[in-house]
């Protein structure tokens, strides 16, 4: 029997920071007839709020070092303001969305990142077996549309700040047992570019060999590396299709116009 189609779609901070662009995107997202899940990052709001509260922020390798005060800020912003704002906008579009952190219904459990050279504080790492698939499937069967912030928990009473690309990847992997999953990373570039300044340098298909070549030639922008790591992990773990594409091209992708960069093993 053919598996039911499910889209897991991740959006980044640049979209969340632009009210008009976010609304345009959510209109396209709401129009998807298949089952769907949205995962979002946080945008600049957390950094702006931390600055107003005089809480110093430290970024290492593009990741936010999360002490207790910073955890409070990102929880308020990601799981609160941003998540509920998106859910409210989707309800306005007659899309019956429901907002979650990983702690809700024990949907996504994480492990606090082990301290090596850098102590990232309250940062969580997730794996696909940490997803409560049975409960998530029940929500999907009720035609609810889960909207995930990138806040998880460790089932020991601690919330954890987690990379949103990783959250999208593990959700896609876990649900691929039961669904035909298409994982879409929507961001402000057309996909993987050999030259980040040149939109014509788009790589249409990226396999691990080509990826290693581009990386060794220093052609990949550092910011895209965590996204690609999660994309390859998803593809290696039975996610049917993984694409990185421009957030303005979602409708084209849904209409099979082959946007962005498709990941292969």
Protein backbone atom coordinates (compact mmCIF):
# COMPACT_ATOMS: atom_id res chain seq x y z
CA UNK A 1 0.00 0.00 0.00
CA UNK A 2 1.31 3.47 -0.90
CA UNK A 3 2.26 5.63 2.05
CA UNK A 4 0.43 8.90 2.62
CA UNK A 5 2.35 12.04 1.61
CA UNK A 6 3.71 14.23 4.42
CA UNK A 7 5.64 17.49 4.08
CA UNK A 8 8.02 18.54 6.86
CA UNK A 9 8.90 22.17 6.13
CA UNK A 10 11.45 24.25 8.01
CA UNK A 11 11.60 28.04 7.82
CA UNK A 12 14.38 30.26 9.08
CA UNK A 13 14.81 33.52 10.89
CA UNK A 14 14.91 35.83 7.88
CA UNK A 15 11.32 34.90 7.04
CA UNK A 16 10.13 35.29 10.62
CA UNK A 17 11.68 38.77 10.77
CA UNK A 18 9.63 39.96 7.76
CA UNK A 19 5.88 40.10 8.47
CA UNK A 20 4.82 40.47 4.82
CA UNK A 21 7.06 37.68 3.50
CA UNK A 22 5.99 35.41 6.37
CA UNK A 23 2.32 35.97 5.54
CA UNK A 24 2.91 35.21 1.86
CA UNK A 25 4.72 32.00 2.79
CA UNK A 26 2.05 30.89 5.27
CA UNK A 27 -0.66 31.39 2.63
CA UNK A 28 1.20 28.94 0.38
CA UNK A 29 1.85 26.57 3.28
CA UNK A 30 -1.84 26.63 4.32
CA UNK A 31 -2.88 25.72 0.76
CA UNK A 32 -0.98 22.38 0.86
CA UNK A 33 -3.62 19.66 0.68
CA UNK A 34 -1.34 16.88 1.98
CA UNK A 35 -0.41 16.29 5.62
CA UNK A 36 2.15 18.84 6.79
CA UNK A 37 4.33 19.93 9.70
CA UNK A 38 6.04 23.32 10.06
CA UNK A 39 9.28 23.82 12.01
CA UNK A 40 10.55 27.33 12.65
CA UNK A 41 13.65 29.05 13.93
CA UNK A 42 13.61 32.27 15.91
CA UNK A 43 14.85 35.21 13.89
CA UNK A 44 16.40 38.27 15.48
CA UNK A 45 13.73 38.69 18.17
CA UNK A 46 15.61 36.64 20.79
CA UNK A 47 18.82 38.62 20.29
CA UNK A 48 16.88 41.91 20.38
CA UNK A 49 15.10 40.96 23.60
CA UNK A 50 18.35 39.76 25.21
CA UNK A 51 19.93 43.11 24.37
CA UNK A 52 17.02 45.02 25.94
CA UNK A 53 17.39 42.89 29.08
CA UNK A 54 21.19 43.38 29.11
CA UNK A 55 21.84 39.65 28.76
CA UNK A 56 25.12 39.18 26.82
CA UNK A 57 24.91 36.76 23.88
CA UNK A 58 27.69 34.49 22.71
CA UNK A 59 27.66 32.75 19.31
CA UNK A 60 30.13 29.97 18.49
CA UNK A 61 30.20 28.32 15.03
CA UNK A 62 26.81 29.89 14.31
CA UNK A 63 25.27 28.32 17.43
CA UNK A 64 23.96 30.27 20.40
CA UNK A 65 25.65 29.47 23.71
CA UNK A 66 22.65 29.17 26.04
CA UNK A 67 23.03 30.00 29.74
CA UNK A 68 19.97 30.01 32.04
CA UNK A 69 19.00 33.62 31.30
CA UNK A 70 19.39 33.09 27.55
CA UNK A 71 17.31 29.91 27.79
CA UNK A 72 14.52 31.96 29.41
CA UNK A 73 14.69 34.46 26.55
CA UNK A 74 14.70 31.92 23.70
CA UNK A 75 11.87 29.94 25.33
CA UNK A 76 9.74 33.08 25.63
CA UNK A 77 10.47 34.11 22.05
CA UNK A 78 10.60 30.79 20.13
CA UNK A 79 8.02 28.69 21.99
CA UNK A 80 5.95 31.74 22.93
CA UNK A 81 5.71 34.80 20.71
CA UNK A 82 6.98 33.37 17.41
CA UNK A 83 5.20 30.01 17.68
CA UNK A 84 1.83 31.43 18.71
CA UNK A 85 2.05 34.22 16.13
CA UNK A 86 2.50 31.63 13.36
CA UNK A 87 -0.33 29.45 14.74
CA UNK A 88 -2.68 32.47 14.89
CA UNK A 89 -1.84 33.46 11.31
CA UNK A 90 -2.48 29.89 10.09
CA UNK A 91 -5.83 29.81 11.92
CA UNK A 92 -6.72 33.01 10.05
CA UNK A 93 -6.00 31.06 6.84
CA UNK A 94 -8.34 28.22 7.92
CA UNK A 95 -5.38 25.95 8.60
CA UNK A 96 -6.01 24.22 11.93
CA UNK A 97 -2.53 24.59 13.40
CA UNK A 98 -1.40 23.59 16.88
CA UNK A 99 1.86 24.87 18.37
CA UNK A 100 4.37 22.72 20.21
CA UNK A 101 7.68 22.63 21.96
CA UNK A 102 9.34 19.24 22.30
CA UNK A 103 8.18 19.06 25.92
CA UNK A 104 4.49 19.08 24.97
CA UNK A 105 3.23 15.51 24.96
CA UNK A 106 6.89 14.43 25.27
CA UNK A 107 6.96 14.92 21.47
CA UNK A 108 10.72 15.48 21.11
CA UNK A 109 13.19 14.51 23.80
CA UNK A 110 16.77 15.76 23.58
CA UNK A 111 20.04 15.17 25.39
CA UNK A 112 21.98 18.11 26.79
CA UNK A 113 25.02 18.58 24.56
CA UNK A 114 28.12 17.01 26.09
CA UNK A 115 30.79 19.55 27.02
CA UNK A 116 33.88 19.14 24.86
CA UNK A 117 35.94 22.19 23.91
CA UNK A 118 32.93 24.47 24.29
CA UNK A 119 30.19 24.40 26.90
CA UNK A 120 27.05 25.36 24.96
CA UNK A 121 24.99 25.38 28.16
CA UNK A 122 21.31 24.45 27.80
CA UNK A 123 21.60 23.24 24.22
CA UNK A 124 19.99 19.95 23.21
CA UNK A 125 20.86 17.38 20.56
CA UNK A 126 18.13 15.17 19.11
CA UNK A 127 17.96 11.82 17.35
CA UNK A 128 15.05 10.31 15.40
CA UNK A 129 14.17 7.75 18.09
CA UNK A 130 13.53 10.66 20.48
CA UNK A 131 10.27 11.53 18.63
CA UNK A 132 6.92 10.42 20.05
CA UNK A 133 5.68 9.15 16.67
CA UNK A 134 2.45 7.55 17.96
CA UNK A 135 1.13 10.77 19.49
CA UNK A 136 2.28 12.91 16.56
CA UNK A 137 0.50 10.56 14.16
CA UNK A 138 -2.73 10.97 16.15
CA UNK A 139 -2.55 14.75 15.69
CA UNK A 140 -2.01 14.30 11.95
CA UNK A 141 -4.95 11.88 11.75
CA UNK A 142 -7.11 14.57 13.37
CA UNK A 143 -6.11 16.88 10.47
CA UNK A 144 -4.23 19.15 12.86
CA UNK A 145 -1.10 20.87 11.56
CA UNK A 146 1.76 20.74 14.10
CA UNK A 147 3.96 23.85 14.29
CA UNK A 148 7.21 23.17 16.16
CA UNK A 149 9.49 25.66 17.83
CA UNK A 150 13.06 24.50 18.36
CA UNK A 151 12.69 24.15 22.13
CA UNK A 152 12.93 20.56 23.38
CA UNK A 153 13.32 18.92 26.80
CA UNK A 154 15.37 16.15 28.44
CA UNK A 155 12.53 14.61 30.54
CA UNK A 156 14.47 15.68 33.64
CA UNK A 157 12.66 19.00 33.97
CA UNK A 158 14.97 21.00 31.72
CA UNK A 159 14.08 22.78 28.52
CA UNK A 160 16.80 22.84 25.86
CA UNK A 161 17.55 25.20 22.98
CA UNK A 162 17.85 23.01 19.87
CA UNK A 163 18.87 23.62 16.28
CA UNK A 164 15.67 23.95 14.18
CA UNK A 165 17.29 22.24 11.17
CA UNK A 166 17.99 19.23 13.41
CA UNK A 167 14.41 19.20 14.72
CA UNK A 168 13.04 19.15 11.16
CA UNK A 169 15.45 16.37 10.18
CA UNK A 170 14.61 14.07 13.11
CA UNK A 171 10.86 14.60 12.65
CA UNK A 172 11.20 13.67 8.96
CA UNK A 173 13.31 10.60 9.78
CA UNK A 174 10.98 9.35 12.53
CA UNK A 175 7.83 9.80 10.44
CA UNK A 176 9.31 8.24 7.29
CA UNK A 177 8.48 4.81 8.79
CA UNK A 178 4.79 5.56 8.25
CA UNK A 179 4.65 8.28 5.59
CA UNK A 180 6.12 9.29 2.25
CA UNK A 181 8.06 12.24 3.67
CA UNK A 182 9.37 15.23 1.76
CA UNK A 183 11.66 17.45 3.85
CA UNK A 184 11.93 21.03 2.61
CA UNK A 185 14.45 23.50 4.04
CA UNK A 186 13.13 26.93 3.02
CA UNK A 187 15.53 29.85 3.44
CA UNK A 188 16.67 33.08 1.76
CA UNK A 189 18.88 31.51 -0.94
CA UNK A 190 17.86 29.54 -4.04
CA UNK A 191 19.55 26.41 -2.63
CA UNK A 192 23.20 25.39 -2.36
CA UNK A 193 25.36 27.89 -4.24
CA UNK A 194 28.97 27.31 -5.30
CA UNK A 195 29.42 31.07 -4.96
CA UNK A 196 27.14 32.58 -2.34
CA UNK A 197 27.25 35.94 -4.20
CA UNK A 198 26.16 34.39 -7.51
CA UNK A 199 22.59 33.01 -7.72
CA UNK A 200 23.48 31.39 -11.08
CA UNK A 201 25.92 29.04 -9.30
CA UNK A 202 23.08 26.86 -7.96
CA UNK A 203 23.89 23.16 -7.49
CA UNK A 204 20.72 21.34 -8.61
CA UNK A 205 21.68 17.90 -7.24
CA UNK A 206 24.08 17.41 -4.38
CA UNK A 207 25.41 14.00 -3.37
CA UNK A 208 28.00 13.30 -0.68
CA UNK A 209 30.87 13.14 -3.19
CA UNK A 210 30.04 16.55 -4.67
CA UNK A 211 29.51 17.93 -1.16
CA UNK A 212 32.99 16.81 -0.04
CA UNK A 213 34.48 18.31 -3.20
CA UNK A 214 32.78 21.69 -2.67
CA UNK A 215 33.76 21.69 0.98
CA UNK A 216 37.42 20.91 0.25
CA UNK A 217 37.44 23.78 -2.28
CA UNK A 218 35.95 26.13 0.38
CA UNK A 219 32.99 26.88 -1.89
CA UNK A 220 30.31 26.34 0.74
CA UNK A 221 29.23 29.16 3.00
CA UNK A 222 29.73 28.18 6.66
CA UNK A 223 26.12 28.97 7.51
CA UNK A 224 24.80 26.22 5.24
CA UNK A 225 26.96 23.42 6.68
CA UNK A 226 24.68 22.51 9.66
CA UNK A 227 21.68 22.53 7.30
CA UNK A 228 23.46 20.19 4.87
CA UNK A 229 24.57 17.86 7.66
CA UNK A 230 20.94 17.48 8.74
CA UNK A 231 19.76 17.14 5.14
CA UNK A 232 22.17 14.28 4.42
CA UNK A 233 21.32 12.54 7.70
CA UNK A 234 17.62 12.65 6.75
CA UNK A 235 18.29 11.26 3.27
CA UNK A 236 20.47 8.48 4.70
CA UNK A 237 17.63 7.53 7.06
CA UNK A 238 14.83 6.82 4.58
CA UNK A 239 13.40 10.30 4.05
CA UNK A 240 12.11 10.05 0.49
CA UNK A 241 13.02 13.54 -0.72
CA UNK A 242 15.11 16.35 0.78
CA UNK A 243 15.33 19.77 -0.90
CA UNK A 244 16.89 23.11 0.05
CA UNK A 245 15.06 25.96 -1.68
CA UNK A 246 14.14 29.61 -1.64
CA UNK A 247 11.22 30.34 0.68
CA UNK A 248 9.50 32.28 -2.15
CA UNK A 249 9.50 29.17 -4.40
CA UNK A 250 7.45 26.82 -2.21
CA UNK A 251 4.44 26.78 -4.55
CA UNK A 252 6.67 25.93 -7.52
CA UNK A 253 8.19 23.04 -5.59
CA UNK A 254 4.75 21.73 -4.66
CA UNK A 255 3.85 21.87 -8.35
CA UNK A 256 6.86 19.66 -9.16
CA UNK A 257 8.91 22.41 -10.79
CA UNK A 258 12.13 21.08 -9.30
CA UNK A 259 13.30 24.13 -7.37
CA UNK A 260 16.44 24.47 -5.29
CA UNK A 261 18.97 21.76 -4.50
CA UNK A 262 17.88 18.16 -4.12
CA UNK A 263 19.98 15.99 -1.79
CA UNK A 264 21.17 12.56 -2.84
CA UNK A 265 23.40 10.09 -1.00
